[in-house]
Protein backbone atom coordinates (compact mmCIF):
# COMPACT_ATOMS: atom_id res chain seq x y z
CA UNK A 1 0.00 0.00 0.00
CA UNK A 2 1.25 3.48 -0.74
CA UNK A 3 2.21 5.86 2.04
CA UNK A 4 -0.22 8.75 2.03
CA UNK A 5 1.01 12.32 2.32
CA UNK A 6 -0.28 15.86 2.22
CA UNK A 7 1.45 19.16 1.51
CA UNK A 8 1.95 21.40 4.56
CA UNK A 9 2.68 25.16 4.30
CA UNK A 10 5.64 26.47 6.29
CA UNK A 11 6.69 30.09 6.44
CA UNK A 12 10.36 31.03 6.06
CA UNK A 13 10.88 34.21 8.10
CA UNK A 14 14.62 34.32 7.39
CA UNK A 15 14.05 35.86 3.97
CA UNK A 16 12.54 39.24 3.19
CA UNK A 17 9.67 39.23 2.43
CA UNK A 18 8.72 36.02 4.28
CA UNK A 19 7.96 33.15 1.92
CA UNK A 20 5.56 30.26 2.28
CA UNK A 21 6.79 26.94 0.91
CA UNK A 22 4.97 23.62 0.89
CA UNK A 23 6.53 20.41 2.17
CA UNK A 24 5.32 16.80 2.06
CA UNK A 25 4.13 15.34 5.36
CA UNK A 26 3.29 11.65 5.86
CA UNK A 27 -0.25 10.92 7.04
CA UNK A 28 -0.53 8.17 9.63
CA UNK A 29 -2.96 5.30 9.09
CA UNK A 30 -3.00 4.46 12.79
CA UNK A 31 -0.72 2.77 15.27
CA UNK A 32 0.68 -0.65 15.96
CA UNK A 33 0.68 -1.38 19.67
CA UNK A 34 2.39 -4.07 21.72
CA UNK A 35 -0.54 -6.46 21.46
CA UNK A 36 -0.86 -6.17 17.67
CA UNK A 37 2.90 -6.57 17.21
CA UNK A 38 2.92 -9.68 19.39
CA UNK A 39 -0.01 -11.11 17.45
CA UNK A 40 1.69 -10.48 14.08
CA UNK A 41 5.01 -11.93 15.23
CA UNK A 42 3.26 -15.00 16.65
CA UNK A 43 1.52 -15.60 13.31
CA UNK A 44 4.93 -15.63 11.59
CA UNK A 45 6.72 -17.84 14.10
CA UNK A 46 6.29 -20.87 16.32
CA UNK A 47 5.88 -18.73 19.43
CA UNK A 48 2.55 -17.92 21.04
CA UNK A 49 1.22 -14.35 21.24
CA UNK A 50 1.88 -14.35 25.00
CA UNK A 51 5.49 -15.46 24.47
CA UNK A 52 6.05 -12.74 21.87
CA UNK A 53 4.46 -10.18 24.19
CA UNK A 54 6.84 -11.19 26.98
CA UNK A 55 9.89 -11.05 24.71
CA UNK A 56 9.00 -7.56 23.44
CA UNK A 57 8.43 -6.27 26.99
CA UNK A 58 11.71 -7.81 28.17
CA UNK A 59 13.56 -6.37 25.16
CA UNK A 60 12.36 -2.84 25.94
CA UNK A 61 13.42 -3.25 29.58
CA UNK A 62 16.87 -4.59 28.66
CA UNK A 63 17.41 -1.78 26.13
CA UNK A 64 16.52 0.78 28.81
CA UNK A 65 18.92 -0.81 31.30
CA UNK A 66 21.77 -0.89 28.78
CA UNK A 67 21.21 2.76 27.86
CA UNK A 68 21.26 3.85 31.50
CA UNK A 69 24.56 1.95 31.83
CA UNK A 70 25.97 4.17 29.08
CA UNK A 71 26.00 1.49 26.39
CA UNK A 72 24.95 1.70 22.75
CA UNK A 73 22.41 -0.99 21.92
CA UNK A 74 22.84 -2.41 18.44
CA UNK A 75 20.22 -4.77 17.01
CA UNK A 76 21.64 -5.97 13.69
CA UNK A 77 18.63 -5.79 11.34
CA UNK A 78 16.86 -3.01 13.23
CA UNK A 79 19.39 -0.35 14.19
CA UNK A 80 21.09 1.15 17.20
CA UNK A 81 19.90 3.09 20.23
CA UNK A 82 22.13 5.59 22.00
CA UNK A 83 21.70 8.03 24.87
CA UNK A 84 22.40 11.71 24.13
CA UNK A 85 22.43 14.62 26.54
CA UNK A 86 21.27 18.21 26.21
CA UNK A 87 22.50 20.86 28.58
CA UNK A 88 23.50 24.41 29.26
CA UNK A 89 26.81 25.89 28.20
CA UNK A 90 29.64 26.86 30.53
CA UNK A 91 32.58 29.19 29.93
CA UNK A 92 35.12 26.56 31.04
CA UNK A 93 34.95 22.76 31.32
CA UNK A 94 35.67 22.69 35.06
CA UNK A 95 32.30 23.86 36.45
CA UNK A 96 30.32 21.56 34.16
CA UNK A 97 28.48 19.05 36.24
CA UNK A 98 25.16 17.38 36.73
CA UNK A 99 23.43 20.75 37.11
CA UNK A 100 24.35 21.57 33.48
CA UNK A 101 22.46 18.55 32.13
CA UNK A 102 18.89 19.37 31.09
CA UNK A 103 17.77 15.95 29.89
CA UNK A 104 18.77 12.66 28.34
CA UNK A 105 17.28 11.64 25.01
CA UNK A 106 17.31 8.39 23.10
CA UNK A 107 18.66 8.56 19.56
CA UNK A 108 17.72 5.79 17.12
CA UNK A 109 19.76 5.11 13.99
CA UNK A 110 18.16 2.63 11.60
CA UNK A 111 20.29 -0.17 10.18
CA UNK A 112 21.15 -0.27 6.50
CA UNK A 113 18.82 -3.29 6.15
CA UNK A 114 15.92 -1.27 7.55
CA UNK A 115 16.76 1.71 5.33
CA UNK A 116 16.67 -0.53 2.23
CA UNK A 117 13.09 -1.51 3.07
CA UNK A 118 12.00 2.12 2.84
CA UNK A 119 13.64 2.78 -0.56
CA UNK A 120 10.81 1.25 -2.63
CA UNK A 121 7.91 2.97 -0.88
CA UNK A 122 5.11 4.13 -3.14
CA UNK A 123 3.48 7.47 -2.30
CA UNK A 124 -0.03 8.83 -2.78
CA UNK A 125 -1.05 12.45 -2.24
CA UNK A 126 -4.37 12.78 -0.40
CA UNK A 127 -4.97 16.56 -0.27
C-alpha cells in the first residue's frame, strides 16, 4: 500500500519578504501497539502471542537498562539506540556538572537493512 502524504505550508521568516513553501508530510494510518505486534510476530513464528508479548516487553526493559549503563544498543537488522544529553553551556569545562544537564534523550539510527526496506515505498497524495 502506498504511504499517504499531504502538503503542509511552512513560512520562512529568514528571507525578506517572508515566503511560504509547501513540504510533504506523511499521514498516519493508525498505530501498531504491543498487542498487535505480538499477534503479528506470533503468526509468523512458532511462538505464542503471549510469548512474543513477553519477549518484546523484556527487550524494551533490557534496552533501557543498557542505555542507563551508558551502552549503545545495536540490534543488527533493526538499528542502534544511544543516549544523548542536552545541557546548558559553561565558559570553562571545570564547572560543568550534573546541574548543566537538562535531559537525556534516546537517539535511534536505523540499520542499512531497515533503510533498504524504505527505498521502494510508493506514495499517494491525499490533499
